[in-house]
N, C-alpha and C. Protein backbone atom coordinates (compact mmCIF):
# COMPACT_ATOMS: atom_id res chain seq x y z
N MET A 1 29.98 -4.46 0.37
CA MET A 1 28.65 -4.38 0.34
C MET A 1 28.09 -5.14 -0.81
N PRO A 2 26.97 -5.65 -0.96
CA PRO A 2 26.34 -6.68 -2.17
C PRO A 2 26.00 -5.53 -2.84
N ALA A 3 26.08 -6.20 -4.03
CA ALA A 3 25.35 -5.11 -5.35
C ALA A 3 23.83 -5.71 -5.44
N LEU A 4 23.17 -4.35 -5.75
CA LEU A 4 21.61 -4.91 -5.66
C LEU A 4 21.12 -5.41 -7.18
N ALA A 5 20.48 -6.65 -7.13
CA ALA A 5 20.09 -7.16 -8.35
C ALA A 5 19.57 -6.20 -9.38
N VAL A 6 19.75 -6.26 -10.60
CA VAL A 6 19.08 -5.67 -11.41
C VAL A 6 18.56 -6.11 -12.70
N ARG A 7 17.28 -6.22 -12.94
CA ARG A 7 16.57 -6.47 -13.75
C ARG A 7 16.37 -5.93 -15.22
N ILE A 8 17.01 -6.74 -15.93
CA ILE A 8 17.49 -6.15 -17.54
C ILE A 8 16.10 -6.66 -18.07
N GLY A 9 15.34 -5.93 -18.95
CA GLY A 9 13.84 -6.17 -19.87
C GLY A 9 13.31 -4.90 -19.35
N GLY A 10 11.86 -4.65 -20.34
CA GLY A 10 11.26 -4.04 -20.32
C GLY A 10 10.06 -4.05 -19.04
N GLY A 11 9.02 -3.60 -18.46
CA GLY A 11 8.21 -3.51 -17.84
C GLY A 11 8.05 -3.97 -16.30
N PRO A 12 7.33 -3.54 -15.50
CA PRO A 12 7.57 -3.72 -13.93
C PRO A 12 7.78 -5.21 -13.54
N GLN A 13 8.34 -5.37 -12.23
CA GLN A 13 8.31 -6.66 -11.56
C GLN A 13 6.98 -7.35 -11.34
N PRO A 14 6.90 -8.81 -11.71
CA PRO A 14 5.61 -9.26 -11.29
C PRO A 14 5.00 -8.97 -10.03
N GLU A 15 5.75 -8.56 -8.60
CA GLU A 15 5.17 -7.89 -7.64
C GLU A 15 4.90 -6.73 -7.57
N GLN A 16 5.82 -5.77 -8.40
CA GLN A 16 5.28 -4.49 -8.64
C GLN A 16 3.83 -4.84 -9.40
N ARG A 17 3.36 -5.30 -10.15
CA ARG A 17 2.26 -5.28 -11.02
C ARG A 17 1.23 -5.56 -9.77
N LEU A 18 1.63 -6.60 -8.95
CA LEU A 18 0.57 -6.89 -7.91
C LEU A 18 0.38 -5.79 -6.92
N ARG A 19 1.48 -4.84 -6.75
CA ARG A 19 1.20 -3.84 -5.97
C ARG A 19 0.21 -2.75 -6.60
N ASP A 20 0.71 -2.78 -7.77
CA ASP A 20 0.13 -1.62 -8.39
C ASP A 20 -1.67 -2.15 -8.32
N LEU A 21 -1.87 -3.17 -8.51
CA LEU A 21 -3.65 -3.74 -8.46
C LEU A 21 -3.98 -3.47 -7.08
N VAL A 22 -3.09 -3.68 -6.26
CA VAL A 22 -3.64 -3.39 -4.74
C VAL A 22 -4.03 -1.93 -4.53
N ILE A 23 -3.12 -1.31 -5.20
CA ILE A 23 -3.05 0.56 -4.84
C ILE A 23 -4.10 0.93 -6.08
N ALA A 24 -4.30 0.34 -7.11
CA ALA A 24 -5.35 1.20 -7.62
C ALA A 24 -6.79 0.72 -7.22
N ARG A 25 -6.90 -0.49 -6.32
CA ARG A 25 -8.31 -0.92 -5.95
C ARG A 25 -8.76 0.08 -4.48
N LEU A 26 -7.13 0.62 -3.65
CA LEU A 26 -7.36 1.08 -2.66
C LEU A 26 -7.62 2.65 -2.83
N ALA A 27 -7.33 2.90 -3.84
CA ALA A 27 -7.35 4.37 -4.34
C ALA A 27 -8.72 4.38 -5.04
N ALA A 28 -9.68 3.83 -5.56
CA ALA A 28 -10.97 3.76 -5.80
C ALA A 28 -11.80 3.99 -4.60
N GLU A 29 -11.41 3.10 -3.54
CA GLU A 29 -12.18 3.17 -2.08
C GLU A 29 -11.82 4.33 -1.59
N PHE A 30 -10.33 4.95 -1.25
CA PHE A 30 -10.14 5.66 -0.56
C PHE A 30 -9.60 7.28 -1.45
N ALA A 31 -10.17 8.00 -2.38
CA ALA A 31 -10.35 8.72 -2.92
C ALA A 31 -9.25 10.09 -2.63
N THR A 32 -9.44 9.99 -1.26
CA THR A 32 -8.88 11.47 -0.96
C THR A 32 -7.62 11.33 -0.22
N VAL A 33 -7.12 9.97 -0.06
CA VAL A 33 -6.08 9.87 0.27
C VAL A 33 -4.97 9.93 -1.32
N PRO A 34 -3.72 10.57 -1.16
CA PRO A 34 -2.73 11.14 -2.35
C PRO A 34 -2.32 9.05 -2.61
N ALA A 35 -1.95 9.41 -3.88
CA ALA A 35 -1.62 8.14 -4.61
C ALA A 35 -0.15 7.74 -3.67
N ALA A 36 0.69 9.08 -3.46
CA ALA A 36 1.86 8.21 -3.21
C ALA A 36 1.51 7.99 -1.75
N VAL A 37 0.89 8.27 -0.97
CA VAL A 37 0.70 7.29 0.39
C VAL A 37 0.19 6.22 0.40
N LEU A 38 -0.55 5.88 -0.79
CA LEU A 38 -1.27 4.61 -0.85
C LEU A 38 0.00 3.74 -1.44
N SER A 39 1.27 4.09 -1.89
CA SER A 39 2.02 3.59 -2.85
C SER A 39 2.93 3.07 -1.55
N ARG A 40 3.01 3.94 -0.78
CA ARG A 40 4.34 3.94 0.55
C ARG A 40 3.58 2.94 1.59
N LEU A 41 2.39 2.97 1.71
CA LEU A 41 1.39 2.25 2.72
C LEU A 41 1.41 0.72 2.00
N VAL A 42 1.13 0.58 0.79
CA VAL A 42 1.29 -1.02 0.11
C VAL A 42 2.45 -1.89 0.56
N ALA A 43 3.60 -0.48 -0.19
CA ALA A 43 4.92 -1.08 -0.32
C ALA A 43 5.45 -1.41 1.83
N ASP A 44 5.07 -0.72 2.63
CA ASP A 44 5.35 -0.91 3.88
C ASP A 44 4.39 -2.44 4.38
N VAL A 45 3.08 -2.54 4.18
CA VAL A 45 2.91 -3.06 4.58
C VAL A 45 3.14 -4.75 3.85
N TRP A 46 3.69 -4.63 2.84
CA TRP A 46 4.45 -6.23 1.66
C TRP A 46 5.54 -6.52 2.39
N VAL A 47 6.24 -5.34 3.21
CA VAL A 47 7.61 -5.63 3.63
C VAL A 47 7.20 -6.14 4.86
N CYS A 48 6.16 -5.46 5.82
CA CYS A 48 6.49 -6.31 6.74
C CYS A 48 5.71 -7.55 7.10
N ALA A 49 4.55 -8.03 6.18
CA ALA A 49 4.15 -9.30 6.15
C ALA A 49 5.33 -9.83 5.51
N GLU A 50 6.27 -9.73 4.86
CA GLU A 50 7.51 -10.90 4.19
C GLU A 50 8.52 -11.20 5.79
N HIS A 51 8.65 -9.67 6.34
CA HIS A 51 9.56 -9.99 7.48
C HIS A 51 8.60 -10.76 8.63
N LEU A 52 7.54 -10.63 8.84
CA LEU A 52 7.03 -11.73 9.82
C LEU A 52 6.78 -13.43 9.52
N GLY A 53 7.45 -13.48 8.14
CA GLY A 53 7.28 -14.60 7.19
C GLY A 53 6.17 -15.45 6.55
N LEU A 54 5.17 -14.39 6.72
CA LEU A 54 3.66 -14.54 5.95
C LEU A 54 4.14 -15.14 4.61
N ASP A 55 3.14 -15.89 4.04
CA ASP A 55 2.95 -16.01 2.64
C ASP A 55 2.37 -15.03 1.90
N VAL A 56 3.01 -14.05 1.29
CA VAL A 56 1.99 -12.36 0.98
C VAL A 56 1.42 -12.73 -0.43
N THR A 57 0.23 -12.66 -0.15
CA THR A 57 -0.43 -12.22 -1.70
C THR A 57 -1.40 -11.05 -1.50
N PRO A 58 -1.52 -10.51 -2.37
CA PRO A 58 -2.44 -9.30 -2.43
C PRO A 58 -3.44 -9.12 -1.70
N GLU A 59 -4.29 -10.34 -1.53
CA GLU A 59 -5.36 -9.86 -0.91
C GLU A 59 -5.11 -9.71 0.68
N ILE A 60 -3.91 -10.47 1.11
CA ILE A 60 -3.74 -9.88 2.70
C ILE A 60 -3.13 -8.88 2.54
N VAL A 61 -2.30 -8.36 1.85
CA VAL A 61 -1.86 -6.97 1.74
C VAL A 61 -2.78 -5.89 1.89
N GLU A 62 -4.00 -6.26 0.95
CA GLU A 62 -4.91 -5.13 0.53
C GLU A 62 -5.57 -5.32 2.04
N ARG A 63 -6.03 -6.29 2.64
CA ARG A 63 -6.71 -5.89 3.88
C ARG A 63 -6.27 -5.24 5.12
N VAL A 64 -4.99 -5.74 4.64
CA VAL A 64 -4.31 -4.92 6.20
C VAL A 64 -3.84 -3.54 5.87
N ALA A 65 -3.87 -3.22 4.68
CA ALA A 65 -3.67 -1.94 4.46
C ALA A 65 -4.78 -0.92 4.29
N ARG A 66 -6.15 -1.62 4.42
CA ARG A 66 -7.12 -1.14 4.29
C ARG A 66 -7.57 -0.82 5.64
N GLU A 67 -7.31 -2.05 6.60
CA GLU A 67 -7.58 -1.64 8.07
C GLU A 67 -7.21 -0.19 8.48
N ARG A 68 -5.88 -0.30 8.04
CA ARG A 68 -4.63 0.90 8.54
C ARG A 68 -5.23 2.05 7.66
N LEU A 69 -5.78 2.14 6.77
CA LEU A 69 -6.13 3.47 6.18
C LEU A 69 -7.72 3.90 6.74
N LEU A 70 -8.70 2.92 7.11
CA LEU A 70 -9.96 3.10 7.85
C LEU A 70 -9.25 3.54 9.46
N GLY A 71 -8.68 2.88 9.69
CA GLY A 71 -7.95 3.16 11.47
C GLY A 71 -7.68 5.26 11.18
N LEU A 72 -6.66 5.28 10.19
CA LEU A 72 -6.26 6.78 9.92
C LEU A 72 -7.78 7.35 9.81
N MET A 73 -8.34 7.22 8.96
CA MET A 73 -9.79 8.23 8.63
C MET A 73 -10.34 8.41 9.77
N ASN A 74 -10.83 6.94 10.58
CA ASN A 74 -11.49 7.40 11.75
C ASN A 74 -10.64 8.12 13.11
N SER A 75 -9.60 8.22 13.01
CA SER A 75 -8.49 9.00 14.05
C SER A 75 -8.53 10.40 13.70
N THR A 76 -8.82 10.95 12.79
CA THR A 76 -8.94 12.36 12.35
C THR A 76 -9.94 12.93 12.97
N PRO A 77 -9.74 13.85 13.72
CA PRO A 77 -11.33 14.91 14.41
C PRO A 77 -11.61 15.37 13.18
N PRO A 78 -12.80 15.35 13.46
CA PRO A 78 -13.89 16.53 12.53
C PRO A 78 -13.32 17.73 12.38
N ARG A 79 -13.75 18.51 11.52
CA ARG A 79 -13.46 19.72 11.08
C ARG A 79 -14.11 20.38 11.81
N ARG A 80 -13.90 21.47 12.23
CA ARG A 80 -14.96 22.51 13.01
C ARG A 80 -15.19 23.54 11.76
N SER A 81 -16.58 23.78 12.17
CA SER A 81 -17.09 24.97 10.99
C SER A 81 -17.11 26.32 11.78
N ARG A 82 -16.91 27.37 11.42
CA ARG A 82 -16.66 28.72 11.82
C ARG A 82 -17.95 29.20 11.64
N ALA A 83 -18.77 29.20 12.82
CA ALA A 83 -19.93 29.75 13.12
C ALA A 83 -19.71 31.32 13.33
């Protein structure tokens, strides 16, 4: 099994910094969504875009992640109030 490449040095990798920026922008827009969910969603969108052979940019990842979040928010049934 091949060994994973290890980056020696401080600070996050450039790709991770871009992901963090996307997560921060989405967190400001979707305040009710936990940060862990946003992080997992952005990572998933990033990997899916790479798998499809797209030129992955933060703008594309943000747009697709936002659409998935809007779909998630709009598919949640409204809460019933007890009368």
